[in-house]
Amino acid sequence: MELLGLAPHDSSRQSRQDQGFSRADFTIDWEEALEAVRQAQDTDEWKDRYAIRVGIEGTISQAVRVTGLRRTRYRNLPTTCLGHIFAATALNIIRIDRWLTGTPLGGTRTSRLEALMLAA
């Protein structure tokens, strides 16, 4: 079982009529859960799953920075969809160009606050 957070308020029919299980029937030892998550993070399976997530988040970040993907200038869905297709095509062209020219991948960006702290 993967723990995602606190259980929401139970307003189900079973809970109101005192039938079945309610939220109060489940207790979670948060220290034990935290330790289990930390142990899981040391496994190769978890690292493989996280590597996929990092790749996806990097792609989304690049799309937002390069194409402004979070905002659209179009009002209807088909045109917005076409804009997303053009944005994805532009990202692919940029990546192909960098691969063909041997341009290295960008490193981790430095925030403005961190840059100020480094300069001081």
N, C-alpha and C. Protein backbone atom coordinates (compact mmCIF):
# COMPACT_ATOMS: atom_id res chain seq x y z
N MET A 1 0.84 -1.17 0.00
CA MET A 1 0.00 0.00 0.00
C MET A 1 0.89 1.24 0.00
N GLU A 2 0.58 2.18 -0.87
CA GLU A 2 1.34 3.42 -0.95
C GLU A 2 0.58 4.50 -0.20
N LEU A 3 1.25 5.12 0.76
CA LEU A 3 0.63 6.11 1.62
C LEU A 3 0.72 7.48 0.97
N LEU A 4 -0.41 8.14 0.75
CA LEU A 4 -0.43 9.42 0.07
C LEU A 4 -0.70 10.59 1.01
N GLY A 5 -1.23 10.37 2.17
CA GLY A 5 -1.52 11.46 3.10
C GLY A 5 -2.64 11.09 4.03
N LEU A 6 -3.17 12.09 4.71
CA LEU A 6 -4.25 11.84 5.66
C LEU A 6 -5.50 11.37 4.93
N ALA A 7 -6.27 10.52 5.63
CA ALA A 7 -7.53 10.05 5.06
C ALA A 7 -8.55 11.17 5.11
N PRO A 8 -9.33 11.34 4.05
CA PRO A 8 -10.33 12.41 4.05
C PRO A 8 -11.46 12.09 5.03
N HIS A 9 -12.26 13.09 5.36
CA HIS A 9 -13.40 12.89 6.25
C HIS A 9 -14.33 11.86 5.63
N ASP A 10 -14.77 10.92 6.45
CA ASP A 10 -15.60 9.83 5.95
C ASP A 10 -17.07 10.22 6.07
N SER A 11 -17.71 10.48 4.95
CA SER A 11 -19.13 10.84 4.95
C SER A 11 -19.96 9.79 4.24
N SER A 12 -19.44 8.58 4.16
CA SER A 12 -20.16 7.54 3.45
C SER A 12 -21.36 7.05 4.26
N ARG A 13 -22.25 6.38 3.60
CA ARG A 13 -23.46 5.84 4.23
C ARG A 13 -23.08 4.86 5.33
N GLN A 14 -22.07 4.02 5.08
CA GLN A 14 -21.66 3.04 6.08
C GLN A 14 -21.19 3.71 7.37
N SER A 15 -20.46 4.79 7.23
CA SER A 15 -19.96 5.50 8.41
C SER A 15 -21.10 6.17 9.17
N ARG A 16 -22.04 6.77 8.46
CA ARG A 16 -23.15 7.44 9.13
C ARG A 16 -24.05 6.46 9.85
N GLN A 17 -24.19 5.25 9.33
CA GLN A 17 -25.08 4.27 9.94
C GLN A 17 -24.33 3.28 10.83
N ASP A 18 -23.07 3.58 11.12
CA ASP A 18 -22.24 2.70 11.95
C ASP A 18 -22.18 1.28 11.42
N GLN A 19 -22.05 1.15 10.11
CA GLN A 19 -21.87 -0.15 9.47
C GLN A 19 -20.51 -0.13 8.78
N GLY A 20 -19.81 -1.23 8.77
CA GLY A 20 -18.51 -1.30 8.11
C GLY A 20 -17.44 -0.56 8.88
N PHE A 21 -16.44 -0.10 8.19
CA PHE A 21 -15.31 0.58 8.79
C PHE A 21 -15.42 2.09 8.61
N SER A 22 -14.92 2.83 9.57
CA SER A 22 -14.88 4.29 9.46
C SER A 22 -13.42 4.73 9.51
N ARG A 23 -13.20 6.02 9.35
CA ARG A 23 -11.85 6.57 9.38
C ARG A 23 -11.16 6.29 10.71
N ALA A 24 -11.91 6.31 11.79
CA ALA A 24 -11.34 6.10 13.12
C ALA A 24 -10.82 4.68 13.31
N ASP A 25 -11.26 3.74 12.46
CA ASP A 25 -10.81 2.35 12.58
C ASP A 25 -9.39 2.14 12.06
N PHE A 26 -8.84 3.14 11.37
CA PHE A 26 -7.51 3.01 10.80
C PHE A 26 -6.56 3.97 11.51
N THR A 27 -5.47 3.43 12.01
CA THR A 27 -4.45 4.27 12.63
C THR A 27 -3.15 4.09 11.86
N ILE A 28 -2.40 5.15 11.74
CA ILE A 28 -1.15 5.12 10.98
C ILE A 28 -0.02 5.58 11.88
N ASP A 29 1.00 4.77 11.96
CA ASP A 29 2.21 5.16 12.68
C ASP A 29 3.08 5.91 11.68
N TRP A 30 3.10 7.25 11.76
CA TRP A 30 3.77 8.07 10.77
C TRP A 30 5.28 7.86 10.78
N GLU A 31 5.87 7.59 11.93
CA GLU A 31 7.31 7.35 11.97
C GLU A 31 7.66 6.06 11.25
N GLU A 32 6.84 5.04 11.45
CA GLU A 32 7.06 3.77 10.76
C GLU A 32 6.85 3.93 9.26
N ALA A 33 5.82 4.69 8.87
CA ALA A 33 5.55 4.91 7.45
C ALA A 33 6.69 5.67 6.80
N LEU A 34 7.23 6.68 7.49
CA LEU A 34 8.35 7.46 6.96
C LEU A 34 9.59 6.59 6.78
N GLU A 35 9.84 5.74 7.75
CA GLU A 35 11.00 4.84 7.65
C GLU A 35 10.83 3.85 6.49
N ALA A 36 9.61 3.36 6.29
CA ALA A 36 9.35 2.44 5.18
C ALA A 36 9.58 3.13 3.84
N VAL A 37 9.16 4.39 3.73
CA VAL A 37 9.35 5.13 2.48
C VAL A 37 10.84 5.35 2.23
N ARG A 38 11.57 5.70 3.28
CA ARG A 38 13.02 5.92 3.12
C ARG A 38 13.73 4.64 2.71
N GLN A 39 13.31 3.51 3.23
CA GLN A 39 13.92 2.24 2.82
C GLN A 39 13.56 1.92 1.37
N ALA A 40 12.33 2.23 0.98
CA ALA A 40 11.91 1.97 -0.40
C ALA A 40 12.70 2.81 -1.38
N GLN A 41 13.10 4.03 -0.97
CA GLN A 41 13.85 4.91 -1.86
C GLN A 41 15.25 4.39 -2.15
N ASP A 42 15.73 3.45 -1.39
CA ASP A 42 17.05 2.87 -1.63
C ASP A 42 17.02 1.71 -2.62
N THR A 43 15.83 1.28 -3.03
CA THR A 43 15.72 0.14 -3.94
C THR A 43 15.90 0.60 -5.38
N ASP A 44 16.37 -0.32 -6.22
CA ASP A 44 16.56 -0.03 -7.64
C ASP A 44 15.22 0.21 -8.35
N GLU A 45 14.18 -0.51 -7.92
CA GLU A 45 12.86 -0.34 -8.53
C GLU A 45 12.35 1.09 -8.33
N TRP A 46 12.50 1.62 -7.12
CA TRP A 46 12.04 2.98 -6.84
C TRP A 46 12.85 3.98 -7.65
N LYS A 47 14.16 3.76 -7.74
CA LYS A 47 15.02 4.68 -8.49
C LYS A 47 14.67 4.67 -9.97
N ASP A 48 14.30 3.50 -10.50
CA ASP A 48 13.89 3.42 -11.91
C ASP A 48 12.59 4.19 -12.13
N ARG A 49 11.62 4.02 -11.23
CA ARG A 49 10.36 4.76 -11.35
C ARG A 49 10.59 6.26 -11.23
N TYR A 50 11.47 6.66 -10.33
CA TYR A 50 11.73 8.09 -10.13
C TYR A 50 12.47 8.68 -11.33
N ALA A 51 13.34 7.89 -11.97
CA ALA A 51 14.05 8.38 -13.16
C ALA A 51 13.06 8.71 -14.27
N ILE A 52 12.01 7.92 -14.40
CA ILE A 52 10.98 8.20 -15.41
C ILE A 52 10.29 9.51 -15.08
N ARG A 53 9.96 9.69 -13.79
CA ARG A 53 9.30 10.92 -13.37
C ARG A 53 10.18 12.15 -13.62
N VAL A 54 11.47 12.03 -13.34
CA VAL A 54 12.38 13.15 -13.54
C VAL A 54 12.43 13.52 -15.02
N GLY A 55 12.45 12.53 -15.89
CA GLY A 55 12.47 12.80 -17.32
C GLY A 55 11.22 13.53 -17.79
N ILE A 56 10.08 13.11 -17.28
CA ILE A 56 8.82 13.74 -17.66
C ILE A 56 8.78 15.18 -17.14
N GLU A 57 9.19 15.38 -15.88
CA GLU A 57 9.18 16.73 -15.32
C GLU A 57 10.16 17.64 -16.06
N GLY A 58 11.28 17.10 -16.50
CA GLY A 58 12.23 17.89 -17.28
C GLY A 58 11.65 18.31 -18.61
N THR A 59 10.92 17.40 -19.26
CA THR A 59 10.29 17.72 -20.53
C THR A 59 9.23 18.80 -20.36
N ILE A 60 8.42 18.68 -19.32
CA ILE A 60 7.39 19.69 -19.08
C ILE A 60 8.03 21.04 -18.76
N SER A 61 9.09 21.03 -17.96
CA SER A 61 9.78 22.28 -17.63
C SER A 61 10.35 22.93 -18.88
N GLN A 62 10.95 22.14 -19.76
CA GLN A 62 11.51 22.68 -21.00
C GLN A 62 10.39 23.24 -21.88
N ALA A 63 9.28 22.55 -21.95
CA ALA A 63 8.17 23.02 -22.77
C ALA A 63 7.62 24.35 -22.26
N VAL A 64 7.55 24.48 -20.94
CA VAL A 64 7.04 25.73 -20.36
C VAL A 64 8.02 26.86 -20.61
N ARG A 65 9.32 26.61 -20.43
CA ARG A 65 10.31 27.67 -20.61
C ARG A 65 10.45 28.08 -22.07
N VAL A 66 10.47 27.12 -22.98
CA VAL A 66 10.76 27.41 -24.38
C VAL A 66 9.53 27.91 -25.12
N THR A 67 8.38 27.31 -24.88
CA THR A 67 7.20 27.62 -25.70
C THR A 67 6.10 28.34 -24.94
N GLY A 68 6.25 28.55 -23.64
CA GLY A 68 5.19 29.20 -22.88
C GLY A 68 3.92 28.37 -22.85
N LEU A 69 4.06 27.10 -22.63
CA LEU A 69 2.96 26.15 -22.77
C LEU A 69 1.84 26.33 -21.75
N ARG A 70 2.09 27.03 -20.66
CA ARG A 70 1.04 27.16 -19.63
C ARG A 70 -0.08 28.09 -20.05
N ARG A 71 0.19 28.99 -20.94
CA ARG A 71 -0.84 29.93 -21.40
C ARG A 71 -1.05 29.74 -22.90
N THR A 72 -2.27 29.89 -23.30
CA THR A 72 -2.57 29.79 -24.72
C THR A 72 -3.26 31.07 -25.19
N ARG A 73 -3.04 31.41 -26.43
CA ARG A 73 -3.68 32.61 -26.97
C ARG A 73 -4.97 32.26 -27.68
N TYR A 74 -5.31 30.97 -27.71
CA TYR A 74 -6.49 30.53 -28.45
C TYR A 74 -7.64 30.24 -27.50
N ARG A 75 -8.85 30.36 -28.02
CA ARG A 75 -10.03 30.17 -27.18
C ARG A 75 -10.71 28.82 -27.39
N ASN A 76 -10.50 28.20 -28.53
CA ASN A 76 -11.20 26.94 -28.76
C ASN A 76 -10.24 25.76 -28.63
N LEU A 77 -10.79 24.61 -28.32
CA LEU A 77 -9.99 23.43 -28.03
C LEU A 77 -9.19 22.92 -29.23
N PRO A 78 -9.75 22.84 -30.44
CA PRO A 78 -8.95 22.34 -31.56
C PRO A 78 -7.70 23.19 -31.84
N THR A 79 -7.85 24.51 -31.77
CA THR A 79 -6.70 25.38 -32.03
C THR A 79 -5.67 25.28 -30.91
N THR A 80 -6.14 25.15 -29.66
CA THR A 80 -5.22 24.96 -28.53
C THR A 80 -4.48 23.64 -28.68
N CYS A 81 -5.17 22.61 -29.09
CA CYS A 81 -4.54 21.30 -29.32
C CYS A 81 -3.48 21.42 -30.42
N LEU A 82 -3.78 22.13 -31.48
CA LEU A 82 -2.82 22.34 -32.55
C LEU A 82 -1.60 23.11 -32.05
N GLY A 83 -1.82 24.08 -31.16
CA GLY A 83 -0.70 24.81 -30.55
C GLY A 83 0.19 23.90 -29.73
N HIS A 84 -0.41 22.95 -29.01
CA HIS A 84 0.38 21.99 -28.23
C HIS A 84 1.18 21.07 -29.15
N ILE A 85 0.59 20.68 -30.25
CA ILE A 85 1.31 19.84 -31.22
C ILE A 85 2.50 20.59 -31.80
N PHE A 86 2.31 21.87 -32.12
CA PHE A 86 3.42 22.68 -32.63
C PHE A 86 4.50 22.85 -31.56
N ALA A 87 4.10 23.01 -30.30
CA ALA A 87 5.08 23.14 -29.21
C ALA A 87 5.89 21.86 -29.06
N ALA A 88 5.22 20.71 -29.12
CA ALA A 88 5.93 19.43 -29.02
C ALA A 88 6.87 19.24 -30.20
N THR A 89 6.43 19.65 -31.40
CA THR A 89 7.29 19.55 -32.58
C THR A 89 8.51 20.45 -32.44
N ALA A 90 8.31 21.65 -31.90
CA ALA A 90 9.44 22.57 -31.69
C ALA A 90 10.43 21.98 -30.70
N LEU A 91 9.95 21.36 -29.63
CA LEU A 91 10.86 20.73 -28.67
C LEU A 91 11.66 19.62 -29.32
N ASN A 92 10.99 18.81 -30.14
CA ASN A 92 11.70 17.73 -30.82
C ASN A 92 12.76 18.27 -31.77
N ILE A 93 12.47 19.34 -32.49
CA ILE A 93 13.44 19.94 -33.40
C ILE A 93 14.63 20.50 -32.62
N ILE A 94 14.34 21.16 -31.50
CA ILE A 94 15.43 21.68 -30.65
C ILE A 94 16.31 20.55 -30.16
N ARG A 95 15.70 19.45 -29.72
CA ARG A 95 16.49 18.32 -29.21
C ARG A 95 17.30 17.65 -30.31
N ILE A 96 16.71 17.53 -31.51
CA ILE A 96 17.45 16.95 -32.63
C ILE A 96 18.64 17.83 -32.99
N ASP A 97 18.42 19.15 -33.03
CA ASP A 97 19.50 20.08 -33.33
C ASP A 97 20.63 19.96 -32.31
N ARG A 98 20.30 19.90 -31.04
CA ARG A 98 21.33 19.78 -30.01
C ARG A 98 22.07 18.46 -30.11
N TRP A 99 21.36 17.41 -30.50
CA TRP A 99 22.01 16.11 -30.63
C TRP A 99 22.95 16.10 -31.84
N LEU A 100 22.51 16.67 -32.98
CA LEU A 100 23.33 16.69 -34.19
C LEU A 100 24.55 17.60 -34.04
N THR A 101 24.41 18.72 -33.34
CA THR A 101 25.53 19.65 -33.19
C THR A 101 26.40 19.34 -31.98
N GLY A 102 25.97 18.38 -31.17
CA GLY A 102 26.78 18.01 -30.00
C GLY A 102 26.70 19.01 -28.87
N THR A 103 25.66 19.84 -28.87
CA THR A 103 25.50 20.81 -27.79
C THR A 103 25.16 20.07 -26.51
N PRO A 104 25.89 20.34 -25.42
CA PRO A 104 25.61 19.61 -24.18
C PRO A 104 24.26 20.02 -23.59
N LEU A 105 23.70 19.11 -22.82
CA LEU A 105 22.44 19.40 -22.16
C LEU A 105 22.66 20.48 -21.11
N GLY A 106 21.65 21.27 -20.89
CA GLY A 106 21.75 22.32 -19.88
C GLY A 106 21.80 21.73 -18.48
N GLY A 107 22.54 22.39 -17.60
CA GLY A 107 22.62 21.94 -16.23
C GLY A 107 21.45 22.44 -15.41
N THR A 108 21.52 22.22 -14.15
CA THR A 108 20.47 22.70 -13.26
C THR A 108 20.54 24.22 -13.18
N ARG A 109 19.40 24.85 -13.34
CA ARG A 109 19.35 26.30 -13.31
C ARG A 109 19.55 26.81 -11.88
N THR A 110 20.08 28.00 -11.76
CA THR A 110 20.28 28.64 -10.47
C THR A 110 19.22 29.71 -10.29
N SER A 111 18.51 29.67 -9.15
CA SER A 111 17.48 30.67 -8.90
C SER A 111 18.13 32.03 -8.66
N ARG A 112 17.34 33.08 -8.78
CA ARG A 112 17.87 34.42 -8.58
C ARG A 112 18.36 34.61 -7.15
N LEU A 113 17.65 34.04 -6.19
CA LEU A 113 18.06 34.15 -4.80
C LEU A 113 19.38 33.43 -4.57
N GLU A 114 19.51 32.25 -5.14
CA GLU A 114 20.76 31.51 -4.99
C GLU A 114 21.91 32.23 -5.67
N ALA A 115 21.66 32.86 -6.82
CA ALA A 115 22.70 33.62 -7.49
C ALA A 115 23.14 34.80 -6.64
N LEU A 116 22.20 35.45 -5.98
CA LEU A 116 22.55 36.56 -5.08
C LEU A 116 23.39 36.07 -3.90
N MET A 117 23.02 34.93 -3.36
CA MET A 117 23.77 34.39 -2.22
C MET A 117 25.18 33.98 -2.64
N LEU A 118 25.33 33.44 -3.85
CA LEU A 118 26.64 33.05 -4.35
C LEU A 118 27.52 34.27 -4.63
N ALA A 119 26.89 35.37 -5.06
CA ALA A 119 27.64 36.58 -5.38
C ALA A 119 28.11 37.31 -4.12
N ALA A 120 27.43 37.09 -3.01
CA ALA A 120 27.79 37.81 -1.76
C ALA A 120 28.98 37.17 -1.08
